[in-house]
Structures are given as structure tokens and as C-alpha cells.
Amino acid sequence: MKEYQKAKKTTDVSVGDSVRIIRELQELSQNQLAVLTGIPQSTLSAIENNRVRLGVERAKVLAKALHCHPAVLVFPGWELDDSKAA
């Protein structure tokens, strides 16, 4: 498995923070994102406030609507550790 690099945590961004940040960068309201995803606005609010877990299926739906990879939402603040590259 030499082709893989371990990731390291670089910031303290929660899953909810990542959803909110990406949503706001795309200038979408929670209501607009709810329409795009079929996820109720109240659930989106709970996700963004870390009261409800995102989950794999919701991550896929949100990532598609937000035009990003699900890992961006599920693993915020992580990046490759280049210092240990072989």
C-alpha cells in the first residue's frame, strides 16, 4: 500500500461547518438546498448545527447538489500528509 498516504487533521471544522461553508460559498440558502436535495430544511439546519449526523446517503445527495466529493463533507479539515511520501 505504498501508493497511499496517510491523512492528517489540519483544522477544527465539523461536518456541519463544512456543509454550511460550502452551501454559503455557493450562495444557497438552506431552503434552496432543501429543494435541490429533497432533504427538509429543518434537517439541513440540524446537520449544520451538528445535532444530526450526516450519514453516507445524505452526504452523497448533498455532495451532488453542492458539486463536491462526499469526502469533502464527511472529512472536513483533512489533507494528505506529504511529509511521509515515499
PDB file of N, CA and C in Angstrom:
ATOM      1  N   MET A   1       0.826  -1.197   0.000  1.00  0.00           N
ATOM      2  CA  MET A   1       0.000   0.000   0.000  1.00  0.00           C
ATOM      3  C   MET A   1       0.865   1.253   0.000  1.00  0.00           C
ATOM      4  N   LYS A   2       1.989   1.222  -0.626  1.00  0.00           N
ATOM      5  CA  LYS A   2       2.871   2.374  -0.660  1.00  0.00           C
ATOM      6  C   LYS A   2       2.279   3.539  -1.436  1.00  0.00           C
ATOM      7  N   GLU A   3       1.324   3.272  -2.327  1.00  0.00           N
ATOM      8  CA  GLU A   3       0.755   4.344  -3.125  1.00  0.00           C
ATOM      9  C   GLU A   3      -0.204   5.242  -2.345  1.00  0.00           C
ATOM     10  N   TYR A   4      -0.548   4.846  -1.133  1.00  0.00           N
ATOM     11  CA  TYR A   4      -1.450   5.650  -0.315  1.00  0.00           C
ATOM     12  C   TYR A   4      -0.661   6.450   0.709  1.00  0.00           C
ATOM     13  N   GLN A   5      -1.153   7.636   0.999  1.00  0.00           N
ATOM     14  CA  GLN A   5      -0.535   8.476   2.018  1.00  0.00           C
ATOM     15  C   GLN A   5      -1.530   8.670   3.144  1.00  0.00           C
ATOM     16  N   LYS A   6      -1.028   8.681   4.353  1.00  0.00           N
ATOM     17  CA  LYS A   6      -1.889   8.936   5.496  1.00  0.00           C
ATOM     18  C   LYS A   6      -2.336  10.389   5.484  1.00  0.00           C
ATOM     19  N   ALA A   7      -3.551  10.612   5.953  1.00  0.00           N
ATOM     20  CA  ALA A   7      -4.073  11.969   6.060  1.00  0.00           C
ATOM     21  C   ALA A   7      -3.810  12.503   7.456  1.00  0.00           C
ATOM     22  N   LYS A   8      -3.768  13.807   7.565  1.00  0.00           N
ATOM     23  CA  LYS A   8      -3.616  14.419   8.882  1.00  0.00           C
ATOM     24  C   LYS A   8      -4.666  15.517   9.028  1.00  0.00           C
ATOM     25  N   LYS A   9      -5.072  15.722  10.227  1.00  0.00           N
ATOM     26  CA  LYS A   9      -6.063  16.752  10.503  1.00  0.00           C
ATOM     27  C   LYS A   9      -5.352  18.097  10.594  1.00  0.00           C
ATOM     28  N   THR A  10      -5.907  19.108   9.894  1.00  0.00           N
ATOM     29  CA  THR A  10      -5.244  20.412   9.879  1.00  0.00           C
ATOM     30  C   THR A  10      -6.073  21.513  10.525  1.00  0.00           C
ATOM     31  N   THR A  11      -7.381  21.364  10.580  1.00  0.00           N
ATOM     32  CA  THR A  11      -8.222  22.390  11.186  1.00  0.00           C
ATOM     33  C   THR A  11      -9.349  21.733  11.967  1.00  0.00           C
ATOM     34  N   ASP A  12      -9.980  22.522  12.803  1.00  0.00           N
ATOM     35  CA  ASP A  12     -11.123  22.024  13.550  1.00  0.00           C
ATOM     36  C   ASP A  12     -12.409  22.512  12.896  1.00  0.00           C
ATOM     37  N   VAL A  13     -12.807  21.825  11.844  1.00  0.00           N
ATOM     38  CA  VAL A  13     -14.044  22.123  11.138  1.00  0.00           C
ATOM     39  C   VAL A  13     -14.931  20.902  11.291  1.00  0.00           C
ATOM     40  N   SER A  14     -16.137  21.101  11.774  1.00  0.00           N
ATOM     41  CA  SER A  14     -17.050  19.974  11.938  1.00  0.00           C
ATOM     42  C   SER A  14     -17.708  19.649  10.598  1.00  0.00           C
ATOM     43  N   VAL A  15     -18.350  18.507  10.549  1.00  0.00           N
ATOM     44  CA  VAL A  15     -19.094  18.117   9.353  1.00  0.00           C
ATOM     45  C   VAL A  15     -20.165  19.168   9.056  1.00  0.00           C
ATOM     46  N   GLY A  16     -20.864  19.604  10.073  1.00  0.00           N
ATOM     47  CA  GLY A  16     -21.894  20.632   9.889  1.00  0.00           C
ATOM     48  C   GLY A  16     -21.320  21.929   9.360  1.00  0.00           C
ATOM     49  N   ASP A  17     -20.142  22.297   9.883  1.00  0.00           N
ATOM     50  CA  ASP A  17     -19.469  23.507   9.388  1.00  0.00           C
ATOM     51  C   ASP A  17     -19.145  23.379   7.907  1.00  0.00           C
ATOM     52  N   SER A  18     -18.665  22.214   7.498  1.00  0.00           N
ATOM     53  CA  SER A  18     -18.289  22.037   6.094  1.00  0.00           C
ATOM     54  C   SER A  18     -19.502  22.147   5.186  1.00  0.00           C
ATOM     55  N   VAL A  19     -20.626  21.581   5.600  1.00  0.00           N
ATOM     56  CA  VAL A  19     -21.851  21.692   4.796  1.00  0.00           C
ATOM     57  C   VAL A  19     -22.263  23.159   4.686  1.00  0.00           C
ATOM     58  N   ARG A  20     -22.264  23.855   5.809  1.00  0.00           N
ATOM     59  CA  ARG A  20     -22.665  25.265   5.809  1.00  0.00           C
ATOM     60  C   ARG A  20     -21.723  26.123   4.964  1.00  0.00           C
ATOM     61  N   ILE A  21     -20.433  25.925   5.131  1.00  0.00           N
ATOM     62  CA  ILE A  21     -19.453  26.724   4.394  1.00  0.00           C
ATOM     63  C   ILE A  21     -19.604  26.524   2.896  1.00  0.00           C
ATOM     64  N   ILE A  22     -19.702  25.289   2.462  1.00  0.00           N
ATOM     65  CA  ILE A  22     -19.823  25.028   1.021  1.00  0.00           C
ATOM     66  C   ILE A  22     -21.150  25.552   0.492  1.00  0.00           C
ATOM     67  N   ARG A  23     -22.220  25.385   1.282  1.00  0.00           N
ATOM     68  CA  ARG A  23     -23.523  25.919   0.870  1.00  0.00           C
ATOM     69  C   ARG A  23     -23.455  27.432   0.715  1.00  0.00           C
ATOM     70  N   GLU A  24     -22.871  28.110   1.690  1.00  0.00           N
ATOM     71  CA  GLU A  24     -22.787  29.576   1.638  1.00  0.00           C
ATOM     72  C   GLU A  24     -21.862  30.057   0.521  1.00  0.00           C
ATOM     73  N   LEU A  25     -20.780  29.345   0.257  1.00  0.00           N
ATOM     74  CA  LEU A  25     -19.891  29.722  -0.840  1.00  0.00           C
ATOM     75  C   LEU A  25     -20.616  29.672  -2.186  1.00  0.00           C
ATOM     76  N   GLN A  26     -21.606  28.806  -2.269  1.00  0.00           N
ATOM     77  CA  GLN A  26     -22.385  28.700  -3.499  1.00  0.00           C
ATOM     78  C   GLN A  26     -23.629  29.586  -3.459  1.00  0.00           C
ATOM     79  N   GLU A  27     -23.699  30.406  -2.422  1.00  0.00           N
ATOM     80  CA  GLU A  27     -24.789  31.366  -2.254  1.00  0.00           C
ATOM     81  C   GLU A  27     -26.166  30.709  -2.284  1.00  0.00           C
ATOM     82  N   LEU A  28     -26.254  29.576  -1.589  1.00  0.00           N
ATOM     83  CA  LEU A  28     -27.528  28.867  -1.466  1.00  0.00           C
ATOM     84  C   LEU A  28     -28.060  29.028  -0.047  1.00  0.00           C
ATOM     85  N   SER A  29     -29.348  29.223   0.072  1.00  0.00           N
ATOM     86  CA  SER A  29     -29.984  29.209   1.387  1.00  0.00           C
ATOM     87  C   SER A  29     -30.271  27.751   1.756  1.00  0.00           C
ATOM     88  N   GLN A  30     -30.579  27.522   3.001  1.00  0.00           N
ATOM     89  CA  GLN A  30     -30.974  26.170   3.401  1.00  0.00           C
ATOM     90  C   GLN A  30     -32.234  25.750   2.649  1.00  0.00           C
ATOM     91  N   ASN A  31     -33.160  26.681   2.444  1.00  0.00           N
ATOM     92  CA  ASN A  31     -34.380  26.354   1.716  1.00  0.00           C
ATOM     93  C   ASN A  31     -34.084  25.953   0.273  1.00  0.00           C
ATOM     94  N   GLN A  32     -33.159  26.663  -0.379  1.00  0.00           N
ATOM     95  CA  GLN A  32     -32.797  26.320  -1.747  1.00  0.00           C
ATOM     96  C   GLN A  32     -32.134  24.945  -1.803  1.00  0.00           C
ATOM     97  N   LEU A  33     -31.248  24.670  -0.848  1.00  0.00           N
ATOM     98  CA  LEU A  33     -30.592  23.373  -0.810  1.00  0.00           C
ATOM     99  C   LEU A  33     -31.603  22.269  -0.517  1.00  0.00           C
ATOM    100  N   ALA A  34     -32.584  22.556   0.298  1.00  0.00           N
ATOM    101  CA  ALA A  34     -33.633  21.582   0.588  1.00  0.00           C
ATOM    102  C   ALA A  34     -34.386  21.205  -0.688  1.00  0.00           C
ATOM    103  N   VAL A  35     -34.677  22.191  -1.512  1.00  0.00           N
ATOM    104  CA  VAL A  35     -35.377  21.929  -2.781  1.00  0.00           C
ATOM    105  C   VAL A  35     -34.501  21.074  -3.692  1.00  0.00           C
ATOM    106  N   LEU A  36     -33.211  21.396  -3.762  1.00  0.00           N
ATOM    107  CA  LEU A  36     -32.292  20.655  -4.628  1.00  0.00           C
ATOM    108  C   LEU A  36     -32.093  19.209  -4.189  1.00  0.00           C
ATOM    109  N   THR A  37     -32.142  18.966  -2.885  1.00  0.00           N
ATOM    110  CA  THR A  37     -31.803  17.646  -2.353  1.00  0.00           C
ATOM    111  C   THR A  37     -32.993  16.807  -1.906  1.00  0.00           C
ATOM    112  N   GLY A  38     -34.097  17.451  -1.602  1.00  0.00           N
ATOM    113  CA  GLY A  38     -35.220  16.716  -1.027  1.00  0.00           C
ATOM    114  C   GLY A  38     -35.057  16.485   0.467  1.00  0.00           C
ATOM    115  N   ILE A  39     -34.001  17.036   1.043  1.00  0.00           N
ATOM    116  CA  ILE A  39     -33.771  16.932   2.488  1.00  0.00           C
ATOM    117  C   ILE A  39     -34.461  18.131   3.133  1.00  0.00           C
ATOM    118  N   PRO A  40     -35.335  17.917   4.100  1.00  0.00           N
ATOM    119  CA  PRO A  40     -36.046  19.040   4.719  1.00  0.00           C
ATOM    120  C   PRO A  40     -35.092  20.102   5.276  1.00  0.00           C
ATOM    121  N   GLN A  41     -35.501  21.350   5.178  1.00  0.00           N
ATOM    122  CA  GLN A  41     -34.693  22.468   5.684  1.00  0.00           C
ATOM    123  C   GLN A  41     -34.373  22.273   7.153  1.00  0.00           C
ATOM    124  N   SER A  42     -35.316  21.774   7.929  1.00  0.00           N
ATOM    125  CA  SER A  42     -35.072  21.569   9.357  1.00  0.00           C
ATOM    126  C   SER A  42     -33.973  20.532   9.590  1.00  0.00           C
ATOM    127  N   THR A  43     -33.902  19.523   8.742  1.00  0.00           N
ATOM    128  CA  THR A  43     -32.842  18.522   8.837  1.00  0.00           C
ATOM    129  C   THR A  43     -31.502  19.121   8.439  1.00  0.00           C
ATOM    130  N   LEU A  44     -31.493  19.956   7.390  1.00  0.00           N
ATOM    131  CA  LEU A  44     -30.259  20.636   6.990  1.00  0.00           C
ATOM    132  C   LEU A  44     -29.740  21.520   8.119  1.00  0.00           C
ATOM    133  N   SER A  45     -30.642  22.224   8.778  1.00  0.00           N
ATOM    134  CA  SER A  45     -30.256  23.062   9.906  1.00  0.00           C
ATOM    135  C   SER A  45     -29.648  22.212  11.016  1.00  0.00           C
ATOM    136  N   ALA A  46     -30.277  21.080  11.302  1.00  0.00           N
ATOM    137  CA  ALA A  46     -29.771  20.184  12.351  1.00  0.00           C
ATOM    138  C   ALA A  46     -28.400  19.621  11.984  1.00  0.00           C
ATOM    139  N   ILE A  47     -28.183  19.310  10.705  1.00  0.00           N
ATOM    140  CA  ILE A  47     -26.875  18.822  10.248  1.00  0.00           C
ATOM    141  C   ILE A  47     -25.830  19.911  10.436  1.00  0.00           C
ATOM    142  N   GLU A  48     -26.147  21.124   9.970  1.00  0.00           N
ATOM    143  CA  GLU A  48     -25.200  22.234  10.059  1.00  0.00           C
ATOM    144  C   GLU A  48     -24.874  22.606  11.498  1.00  0.00           C
ATOM    145  N   ASN A  49     -25.786  22.338  12.410  1.00  0.00           N
ATOM    146  CA  ASN A  49     -25.562  22.630  13.829  1.00  0.00           C
ATOM    147  C   ASN A  49     -25.117  21.398  14.606  1.00  0.00           C
ATOM    148  N   ASN A  50     -24.746  20.351  13.864  1.00  0.00           N
ATOM    149  CA  ASN A  50     -24.207  19.112  14.446  1.00  0.00           C
ATOM    150  C   ASN A  50     -25.140  18.435  15.442  1.00  0.00           C
ATOM    151  N   ARG A  51     -26.446  18.594  15.207  1.00  0.00           N
ATOM    152  CA  ARG A  51     -27.427  17.910  16.046  1.00  0.00           C
ATOM    153  C   ARG A  51     -27.861  16.589  15.429  1.00  0.00           C
ATOM    154  N   VAL A  52     -27.622  16.435  14.118  1.00  0.00           N
ATOM    155  CA  VAL A  52     -27.970  15.213  13.388  1.00  0.00           C
ATOM    156  C   VAL A  52     -26.737  14.793  12.592  1.00  0.00           C
ATOM    157  N   ARG A  53     -26.443  13.515  12.600  1.00  0.00           N
ATOM    158  CA  ARG A  53     -25.307  13.014  11.815  1.00  0.00           C
ATOM    159  C   ARG A  53     -25.639  13.085  10.334  1.00  0.00           C
ATOM    160  N   LEU A  54     -24.617  13.367   9.543  1.00  0.00           N
ATOM    161  CA  LEU A  54     -24.804  13.496   8.105  1.00  0.00           C
ATOM    162  C   LEU A  54     -25.167  12.162   7.473  1.00  0.00           C
ATOM    163  N   GLY A  55     -24.421  11.144   7.727  1.00  0.00           N
ATOM    164  CA  GLY A  55     -24.681   9.831   7.151  1.00  0.00           C
ATOM    165  C   GLY A  55     -24.221   9.747   5.700  1.00  0.00           C
ATOM    166  N   VAL A  56     -23.957   8.537   5.249  1.00  0.00           N
ATOM    167  CA  VAL A  56     -23.415   8.307   3.913  1.00  0.00           C
ATOM    168  C   VAL A  56     -24.382   8.729   2.822  1.00  0.00           C
ATOM    169  N   GLU A  57     -25.633   8.317   2.924  1.00  0.00           N
ATOM    170  CA  GLU A  57     -26.591   8.631   1.857  1.00  0.00           C
ATOM    171  C   GLU A  57     -26.864  10.127   1.753  1.00  0.00           C
ATOM    172  N   ARG A  58     -27.024  10.790   2.886  1.00  0.00           N
ATOM    173  CA  ARG A  58     -27.218  12.247   2.847  1.00  0.00           C
ATOM    174  C   ARG A  58     -25.975  12.936   2.298  1.00  0.00           C
ATOM    175  N   ALA A  59     -24.795  12.441   2.665  1.00  0.00           N
ATOM    176  CA  ALA A  59     -23.550  13.024   2.157  1.00  0.00           C
ATOM    177  C   ALA A  59     -23.499  12.940   0.641  1.00  0.00           C
ATOM    178  N   LYS A  60     -23.916  11.817   0.080  1.00  0.00           N
ATOM    179  CA  LYS A  60     -23.933  11.652  -1.377  1.00  0.00           C
ATOM    180  C   LYS A  60     -24.895  12.637  -2.030  1.00  0.00           C
ATOM    181  N   VAL A  61     -26.080  12.762  -1.471  1.00  0.00           N
ATOM    182  CA  VAL A  61     -27.096  13.666  -2.026  1.00  0.00           C
ATOM    183  C   VAL A  61     -26.627  15.115  -1.933  1.00  0.00           C
ATOM    184  N   LEU A  62     -26.104  15.505  -0.771  1.00  0.00           N
ATOM    185  CA  LEU A  62     -25.625  16.881  -0.594  1.00  0.00           C
ATOM    186  C   LEU A  62     -24.426  17.171  -1.489  1.00  0.00           C
ATOM    187  N   ALA A  63     -23.502  16.222  -1.594  1.00  0.00           N
ATOM    188  CA  ALA A  63     -22.316  16.423  -2.427  1.00  0.00           C
ATOM    189  C   ALA A  63     -22.706  16.640  -3.884  1.00  0.00           C
ATOM    190  N   LYS A  64     -23.672  15.886  -4.351  1.00  0.00           N
ATOM    191  CA  LYS A  64     -24.124  16.051  -5.742  1.00  0.00           C
ATOM    192  C   LYS A  64     -24.710  17.449  -5.939  1.00  0.00           C
ATOM    193  N   ALA A  65     -25.539  17.888  -5.007  1.00  0.00           N
ATOM    194  CA  ALA A  65     -26.170  19.209  -5.112  1.00  0.00           C
ATOM    195  C   ALA A  65     -25.156  20.336  -4.962  1.00  0.00           C
ATOM    196  N   LEU A  66     -24.112  20.104  -4.152  1.00  0.00           N
ATOM    197  CA  LEU A  66     -23.102  21.135  -3.888  1.00  0.00           C
ATOM    198  C   LEU A  66     -21.886  21.014  -4.810  1.00  0.00           C
ATOM    199  N   HIS A  67     -21.936  20.059  -5.723  1.00  0.00           N
ATOM    200  CA  HIS A  67     -20.870  19.869  -6.719  1.00  0.00           C
ATOM    201  C   HIS A  67     -19.500  19.657  -6.068  1.00  0.00           C
ATOM    202  N   CYS A  68     -19.476  18.740  -5.109  1.00  0.00           N
ATOM    203  CA  CYS A  68     -18.209  18.397  -4.457  1.00  0.00           C
ATOM    204  C   CYS A  68     -18.198  16.900  -4.182  1.00  0.00           C
ATOM    205  N   HIS A  69     -17.068  16.393  -3.769  1.00  0.00           N
ATOM    206  CA  HIS A  69     -16.951  14.981  -3.421  1.00  0.00           C
ATOM    207  C   HIS A  69     -17.510  14.789  -2.009  1.00  0.00           C
ATOM    208  N   PRO A  70     -18.204  13.682  -1.754  1.00  0.00           N
ATOM    209  CA  PRO A  70     -18.745  13.450  -0.406  1.00  0.00           C
ATOM    210  C   PRO A  70     -17.694  13.516   0.698  1.00  0.00           C
ATOM    211  N   ALA A  71     -16.459  13.143   0.400  1.00  0.00           N
ATOM    212  CA  ALA A  71     -15.401  13.176   1.414  1.00  0.00           C
ATOM    213  C   ALA A  71     -15.131  14.593   1.902  1.00  0.00           C
ATOM    214  N   VAL A  72     -15.369  15.583   1.055  1.00  0.00           N
ATOM    215  CA  VAL A  72     -15.186  16.980   1.467  1.00  0.00           C
ATOM    216  C   VAL A  72     -16.137  17.304   2.619  1.00  0.00           C
ATOM    217  N   LEU A  73     -17.320  16.726   2.578  1.00  0.00           N
ATOM    218  CA  LEU A  73     -18.307  16.971   3.630  1.00  0.00           C
ATOM    219  C   LEU A  73     -18.061  16.087   4.853  1.00  0.00           C
ATOM    220  N   VAL A  74     -17.707  14.840   4.617  1.00  0.00           N
ATOM    221  CA  VAL A  74     -17.587  13.872   5.699  1.00  0.00           C
ATOM    222  C   VAL A  74     -16.273  13.991   6.463  1.00  0.00           C
ATOM    223  N   PHE A  75     -15.199  14.406   5.767  1.00  0.00           N
ATOM    224  CA  PHE A  75     -13.885  14.516   6.401  1.00  0.00           C
ATOM    225  C   PHE A  75     -13.336  15.928   6.265  1.00  0.00           C
ATOM    226  N   PRO A  76     -14.012  16.912   6.841  1.00  0.00           N
ATOM    227  CA  PRO A  76     -13.521  18.288   6.721  1.00  0.00           C
ATOM    228  C   PRO A  76     -12.220  18.477   7.489  1.00  0.00           C
ATOM    229  N   GLY A  77     -11.354  19.320   6.955  1.00  0.00           N
ATOM    230  CA  GLY A  77     -10.129  19.649   7.660  1.00  0.00           C
ATOM    231  C   GLY A  77      -9.018  18.633   7.530  1.00  0.00           C
ATOM    232  N   TRP A  78      -9.171  17.641   6.666  1.00  0.00           N
ATOM    233  CA  TRP A  78      -8.131  16.624   6.496  1.00  0.00           C
ATOM    234  C   TRP A  78      -7.423  16.839   5.178  1.00  0.00           C
ATOM    235  N   GLU A  79      -6.121  16.592   5.181  1.00  0.00           N
ATOM    236  CA  GLU A  79      -5.361  16.661   3.953  1.00  0.00           C
ATOM    237  C   GLU A  79      -4.281  15.595   3.984  1.00  0.00           C
ATOM    238  N   LEU A  80      -3.684  15.317   2.837  1.00  0.00           N
ATOM    239  CA  LEU A  80      -2.636  14.310   2.765  1.00  0.00           C
ATOM    240  C   LEU A  80      -1.404  14.786   3.533  1.00  0.00           C
ATOM    241  N   ASP A  81      -0.744  13.857   4.177  1.00  0.00           N
ATOM    242  CA  ASP A  81       0.488  14.137   4.882  1.00  0.00           C
ATOM    243  C   ASP A  81       1.640  13.884   3.915  1.00  0.00           C
ATOM    244  N   ASP A  82       2.076  14.920   3.201  1.00  0.00           N
ATOM    245  CA  ASP A  82       3.120  14.796   2.192  1.00  0.00           C
ATOM    246  C   ASP A  82       4.501  14.556   2.787  1.00  0.00           C
ATOM    247  N   SER A  83       4.666  14.809   4.062  1.00  0.00           N
ATOM    248  CA  SER A  83       5.988  14.670   4.673  1.00  0.00           C
ATOM    249  C   SER A  83       6.441  13.222   4.747  1.00  0.00           C
ATOM    250  N   LYS A  84       5.503  12.281   4.614  1.00  0.00           N
ATOM    251  CA  LYS A  84       5.850  10.868   4.718  1.00  0.00           C
ATOM    252  C   LYS A  84       5.758  10.164   3.375  1.00  0.00           C
ATOM    253  N   ALA A  85       5.711  10.929   2.292  1.00  0.00           N
ATOM    254  CA  ALA A  85       5.648  10.328   0.961  1.00  0.00           C
ATOM    255  C   ALA A  85       6.945   9.580   0.666  1.00  0.00           C
ATOM    256  N   ALA A  86       6.797   8.425   0.060  1.00  0.00           N
ATOM    257  CA  ALA A  86       7.984   7.597  -0.227  1.00  0.00           C
ATOM    258  C   ALA A  86       8.636   8.000  -1.526  1.00  0.00           C
TER     259      ALA A  86
END
